C-alpha atoms as a PDB file:
ATOM      1  CA  UNK A   1       0.000   0.000   0.000  1.00  0.00           C
ATOM      2  CA  UNK A   2       1.300   3.443  -0.919  1.00  0.00           C
ATOM      3  CA  UNK A   3       1.754   6.039   1.765  1.00  0.00           C
ATOM      4  CA  UNK A   4      -0.683   8.471   0.098  1.00  0.00           C
ATOM      5  CA  UNK A   5      -3.418   5.829   0.022  1.00  0.00           C
ATOM      6  CA  UNK A   6      -2.773   4.977   3.681  1.00  0.00           C
ATOM      7  CA  UNK A   7      -3.259   8.646   4.606  1.00  0.00           C
ATOM      8  CA  UNK A   8      -6.518   8.751   2.630  1.00  0.00           C
ATOM      9  CA  UNK A   9      -7.759   5.708   4.538  1.00  0.00           C
ATOM     10  CA  UNK A  10      -6.783   7.227   7.888  1.00  0.00           C
ATOM     11  CA  UNK A  11      -8.580  10.485   7.031  1.00  0.00           C
ATOM     12  CA  UNK A  12     -11.597   8.566   5.775  1.00  0.00           C
ATOM     13  CA  UNK A  13     -11.768   6.521   8.992  1.00  0.00           C
ATOM     14  CA  UNK A  14     -12.051   9.720  11.045  1.00  0.00           C
ATOM     15  CA  UNK A  15     -14.946  10.853   8.848  1.00  0.00           C
ATOM     16  CA  UNK A  16     -16.646   7.447   9.080  1.00  0.00           C
ATOM     17  CA  UNK A  17     -16.426   7.578  12.900  1.00  0.00           C
ATOM     18  CA  UNK A  18     -18.080  11.010  12.763  1.00  0.00           C
ATOM     19  CA  UNK A  19     -20.847   9.668  10.488  1.00  0.00           C
ATOM     20  CA  UNK A  20     -21.644   6.669  12.693  1.00  0.00           C
ATOM     21  CA  UNK A  21     -24.683   8.470  14.133  1.00  0.00           C
ATOM     22  CA  UNK A  22     -26.086   9.361  10.705  1.00  0.00           C
ATOM     23  CA  UNK A  23     -28.051   6.738   8.792  1.00  0.00           C
ATOM     24  CA  UNK A  24     -26.281   4.481   6.313  1.00  0.00           C
ATOM     25  CA  UNK A  25     -22.559   3.983   6.617  1.00  0.00           C
ATOM     26  CA  UNK A  26     -20.280   4.675   3.634  1.00  0.00           C
ATOM     27  CA  UNK A  27     -19.431   1.631   1.529  1.00  0.00           C
ATOM     28  CA  UNK A  28     -15.954   2.804   0.517  1.00  0.00           C
ATOM     29  CA  UNK A  29     -13.303   5.437   1.094  1.00  0.00           C
ATOM     30  CA  UNK A  30     -14.108   7.295  -2.137  1.00  0.00           C
ATOM     31  CA  UNK A  31     -17.591   8.170  -0.849  1.00  0.00           C
ATOM     32  CA  UNK A  32     -16.192  10.005   2.181  1.00  0.00           C
ATOM     33  CA  UNK A  33     -13.083  11.512   0.565  1.00  0.00           C
ATOM     34  CA  UNK A  34     -14.929  14.752  -0.371  1.00  0.00           C
ATOM     35  CA  UNK A  35     -15.959  15.134   3.296  1.00  0.00           C
ATOM     36  CA  UNK A  36     -12.380  15.126   4.591  1.00  0.00           C
ATOM     37  CA  UNK A  37     -11.465  18.613   5.738  1.00  0.00           C
ATOM     38  CA  UNK A  38     -15.050  19.728   6.358  1.00  0.00           C
ATOM     39  CA  UNK A  39     -16.121  20.494   9.927  1.00  0.00           C
ATOM     40  CA  UNK A  40     -17.710  17.442  11.613  1.00  0.00           C
ATOM     41  CA  UNK A  41     -21.174  19.022  11.716  1.00  0.00           C
ATOM     42  CA  UNK A  42     -21.015  19.816   7.997  1.00  0.00           C
ATOM     43  CA  UNK A  43     -19.821  16.247   7.259  1.00  0.00           C
ATOM     44  CA  UNK A  44     -22.908  14.851   8.998  1.00  0.00           C
ATOM     45  CA  UNK A  45     -25.224  17.359   7.310  1.00  0.00           C
ATOM     46  CA  UNK A  46     -23.901  16.548   3.824  1.00  0.00           C
ATOM     47  CA  UNK A  47     -23.938  12.794   4.436  1.00  0.00           C
ATOM     48  CA  UNK A  48     -27.508  12.891   5.758  1.00  0.00           C
ATOM     49  CA  UNK A  49     -28.586  14.840   2.651  1.00  0.00           C
ATOM     50  CA  UNK A  50     -26.871  12.305   0.381  1.00  0.00           C
ATOM     51  CA  UNK A  51     -28.419   9.332   2.196  1.00  0.00           C
ATOM     52  CA  UNK A  52     -31.906  10.847   2.194  1.00  0.00           C
ATOM     53  CA  UNK A  53     -31.950  11.469  -1.544  1.00  0.00           C
ATOM     54  CA  UNK A  54     -33.325   8.988  -4.075  1.00  0.00           C
ATOM     55  CA  UNK A  55     -30.015   8.922  -5.927  1.00  0.00           C
ATOM     56  CA  UNK A  56     -27.315   6.313  -5.329  1.00  0.00           C
ATOM     57  CA  UNK A  57     -24.576   7.197  -2.853  1.00  0.00           C
ATOM     58  CA  UNK A  58     -21.446   7.964  -4.851  1.00  0.00           C
ATOM     59  CA  UNK A  59     -18.439  10.225  -4.429  1.00  0.00           C
ATOM     60  CA  UNK A  60     -19.822  12.406  -7.223  1.00  0.00           C
ATOM     61  CA  UNK A  61     -23.151  12.747  -5.416  1.00  0.00           C
ATOM     62  CA  UNK A  62     -21.353  13.758  -2.205  1.00  0.00           C
ATOM     63  CA  UNK A  63     -19.385  16.395  -4.138  1.00  0.00           C
ATOM     64  CA  UNK A  64     -22.583  17.704  -5.740  1.00  0.00           C
ATOM     65  CA  UNK A  65     -24.301  18.071  -2.364  1.00  0.00           C
ATOM     66  CA  UNK A  66     -21.267  19.909  -0.953  1.00  0.00           C
ATOM     67  CA  UNK A  67     -21.253  22.257  -3.940  1.00  0.00           C
ATOM     68  CA  UNK A  68     -25.020  22.882  -3.668  1.00  0.00           C
ATOM     69  CA  UNK A  69     -24.771  23.542   0.078  1.00  0.00           C
ATOM     70  CA  UNK A  70     -21.863  25.941  -0.493  1.00  0.00           C
ATOM     71  CA  UNK A  71     -23.867  27.834  -3.128  1.00  0.00           C
ATOM     72  CA  UNK A  72     -26.834  27.998  -0.755  1.00  0.00           C
ATOM     73  CA  UNK A  73     -24.683  29.378   2.069  1.00  0.00           C
ATOM     74  CA  UNK A  74     -23.090  31.947  -0.244  1.00  0.00           C
ATOM     75  CA  UNK A  75     -26.568  33.079  -1.306  1.00  0.00           C
ATOM     76  CA  UNK A  76     -27.660  33.399   2.326  1.00  0.00           C
ATOM     77  CA  UNK A  77     -24.597  35.506   3.117  1.00  0.00           C
ATOM     78  CA  UNK A  78     -25.147  37.732   0.086  1.00  0.00           C
ATOM     79  CA  UNK A  79     -28.815  38.237   0.978  1.00  0.00           C
ATOM     80  CA  UNK A  80     -27.917  40.671   3.794  1.00  0.00           C
ATOM     81  CA  UNK A  81     -25.733  42.712   1.427  1.00  0.00           C
ATOM     82  CA  UNK A  82     -28.475  42.748  -1.204  1.00  0.00           C
ATOM     83  CA  UNK A  83     -31.088  43.803   1.364  1.00  0.00           C
ATOM     84  CA  UNK A  84     -28.955  46.840   2.187  1.00  0.00           C
ATOM     85  CA  UNK A  85     -28.560  47.685  -1.501  1.00  0.00           C
ATOM     86  CA  UNK A  86     -32.332  47.463  -2.016  1.00  0.00           C
ATOM     87  CA  UNK A  87     -33.049  49.666   0.984  1.00  0.00           C
ATOM     88  CA  UNK A  88     -30.730  52.347  -0.422  1.00  0.00           C
ATOM     89  CA  UNK A  89     -31.935  52.155  -4.036  1.00  0.00           C
ATOM     90  CA  UNK A  90     -35.163  54.067  -3.595  1.00  0.00           C
ATOM     91  CA  UNK A  91     -33.558  57.105  -2.020  1.00  0.00           C
ATOM     92  CA  UNK A  92     -30.572  57.008  -4.376  1.00  0.00           C
ATOM     93  CA  UNK A  93     -32.880  56.865  -7.422  1.00  0.00           C
ATOM     94  CA  UNK A  94     -34.817  59.890  -6.186  1.00  0.00           C
ATOM     95  CA  UNK A  95     -31.589  61.819  -5.566  1.00  0.00           C
ATOM     96  CA  UNK A  96     -30.200  60.980  -9.011  1.00  0.00           C
ATOM     97  CA  UNK A  97     -33.477  61.920 -10.684  1.00  0.00           C
ATOM     98  CA  UNK A  98     -33.473  65.296  -8.903  1.00  0.00           C
ATOM     99  CA  UNK A  99     -29.847  65.967  -9.798  1.00  0.00           C
ATOM    100  CA  UNK A 100     -30.498  65.205 -13.473  1.00  0.00           C
ATOM    101  CA  UNK A 101     -33.612  67.403 -13.545  1.00  0.00           C
ATOM    102  CA  UNK A 102     -31.770  70.211 -11.781  1.00  0.00           C
ATOM    103  CA  UNK A 103     -28.869  69.989 -14.230  1.00  0.00           C
ATOM    104  CA  UNK A 104     -31.220  70.030 -17.212  1.00  0.00           C
ATOM    105  CA  UNK A 105     -33.409  72.835 -15.860  1.00  0.00           C
ATOM    106  CA  UNK A 106     -30.445  74.981 -14.832  1.00  0.00           C
ATOM    107  CA  UNK A 107     -28.776  74.553 -18.180  1.00  0.00           C
ATOM    108  CA  UNK A 108     -31.775  74.515 -20.523  1.00  0.00           C
ATOM    109  CA  UNK A 109     -32.049  78.289 -20.224  1.00  0.00           C
ATOM    110  CA  UNK A 110     -28.545  78.722 -21.615  1.00  0.00           C
ATOM    111  CA  UNK A 111     -27.494  75.425 -23.233  1.00  0.00           C
ATOM    112  CA  UNK A 112     -24.672  77.095 -25.088  1.00  0.00           C
ATOM    113  CA  UNK A 113     -23.053  78.098 -21.791  1.00  0.00           C
ATOM    114  CA  UNK A 114     -22.074  74.451 -21.207  1.00  0.00           C
ATOM    115  CA  UNK A 115     -19.298  72.829 -23.131  1.00  0.00           C
ATOM    116  CA  UNK A 116     -19.589  69.580 -25.049  1.00  0.00           C
ATOM    117  CA  UNK A 117     -17.807  67.689 -22.248  1.00  0.00           C
ATOM    118  CA  UNK A 118     -20.579  68.546 -19.749  1.00  0.00           C
ATOM    119  CA  UNK A 119     -23.368  67.577 -22.166  1.00  0.00           C
ATOM    120  CA  UNK A 120     -21.523  64.331 -22.926  1.00  0.00           C
ATOM    121  CA  UNK A 121     -21.352  63.649 -19.194  1.00  0.00           C
ATOM    122  CA  UNK A 122     -25.129  64.128 -18.832  1.00  0.00           C
ATOM    123  CA  UNK A 123     -25.707  61.913 -21.888  1.00  0.00           C
ATOM    124  CA  UNK A 124     -23.433  59.270 -20.334  1.00  0.00           C
ATOM    125  CA  UNK A 125     -25.608  59.294 -17.190  1.00  0.00           C
ATOM    126  CA  UNK A 126     -28.704  58.646 -19.344  1.00  0.00           C
ATOM    127  CA  UNK A 127     -26.937  55.777 -21.090  1.00  0.00           C
ATOM    128  CA  UNK A 128     -25.932  54.290 -17.730  1.00  0.00           C
ATOM    129  CA  UNK A 129     -29.558  54.471 -16.550  1.00  0.00           C
ATOM    130  CA  UNK A 130     -30.632  52.653 -19.719  1.00  0.00           C
ATOM    131  CA  UNK A 131     -28.017  49.946 -18.997  1.00  0.00           C
ATOM    132  CA  UNK A 132     -29.326  49.578 -15.437  1.00  0.00           C
ATOM    133  CA  UNK A 133     -32.860  49.236 -16.785  1.00  0.00           C
ATOM    134  CA  UNK A 134     -31.701  46.570 -19.241  1.00  0.00           C
ATOM    135  CA  UNK A 135     -29.853  44.706 -16.466  1.00  0.00           C
ATOM    136  CA  UNK A 136     -32.974  44.799 -14.258  1.00  0.00           C
ATOM    137  CA  UNK A 137     -34.906  43.240 -17.146  1.00  0.00           C
ATOM    138  CA  UNK A 138     -32.300  40.463 -17.362  1.00  0.00           C
ATOM    139  CA  UNK A 139     -32.574  39.859 -13.603  1.00  0.00           C
ATOM    140  CA  UNK A 140     -36.372  39.638 -13.880  1.00  0.00           C
ATOM    141  CA  UNK A 141     -35.910  37.089 -16.666  1.00  0.00           C
ATOM    142  CA  UNK A 142     -33.606  34.958 -14.508  1.00  0.00           C
ATOM    143  CA  UNK A 143     -36.173  34.999 -11.728  1.00  0.00           C
ATOM    144  CA  UNK A 144     -39.062  33.829 -13.906  1.00  0.00           C
ATOM    145  CA  UNK A 145     -40.233  30.472 -12.702  1.00  0.00           C
ATOM    146  CA  UNK A 146     -39.245  31.046  -9.081  1.00  0.00           C
ATOM    147  CA  UNK A 147     -42.105  31.107  -6.636  1.00  0.00           C
END
C-alpha cells in the first residue's frame, strides 16, 4: 500500500467515525473523501442529505451536495448585502433623478453656456440608466419560474 493511500484511509476513517450516528454507513473510502477537511457538523449534514436522496450514494453525489450547500450558504450571506442595496436604491434613485432634472433645468435656459464635455457627461448618465434598466430586465428574466 502506498503512503498516500494509507493517509486517505486514515482520514476517511475519522470521517466514518463522525458519520456513525447518521443513517447508512459509507461503503468505501471514495464516498467520504470529499468530506475530509469539512467540519464534523457539515460532514454529517452533507452525508444525511446524500443518504436521504433517491439517488445512489457515490463520491460524485457527495461532491454535488457539498457544492449545492456551499452555493446555498453563499446566497444566504449575500442576501444581507443585497437587502442593504435594495433599501438604499429608492432614495438614491430619487436623488439621481433630482440631480439630473436640476442639471437640465439649470442649463436649458442657456445650453450654449455648457461645453460639449458637460453635455456628454449628462448623456453618459442617461446611457448608464438605460443599462441599469436593461440589467434589471435580465434579472427579472432569470427569476421567472421562481415562486
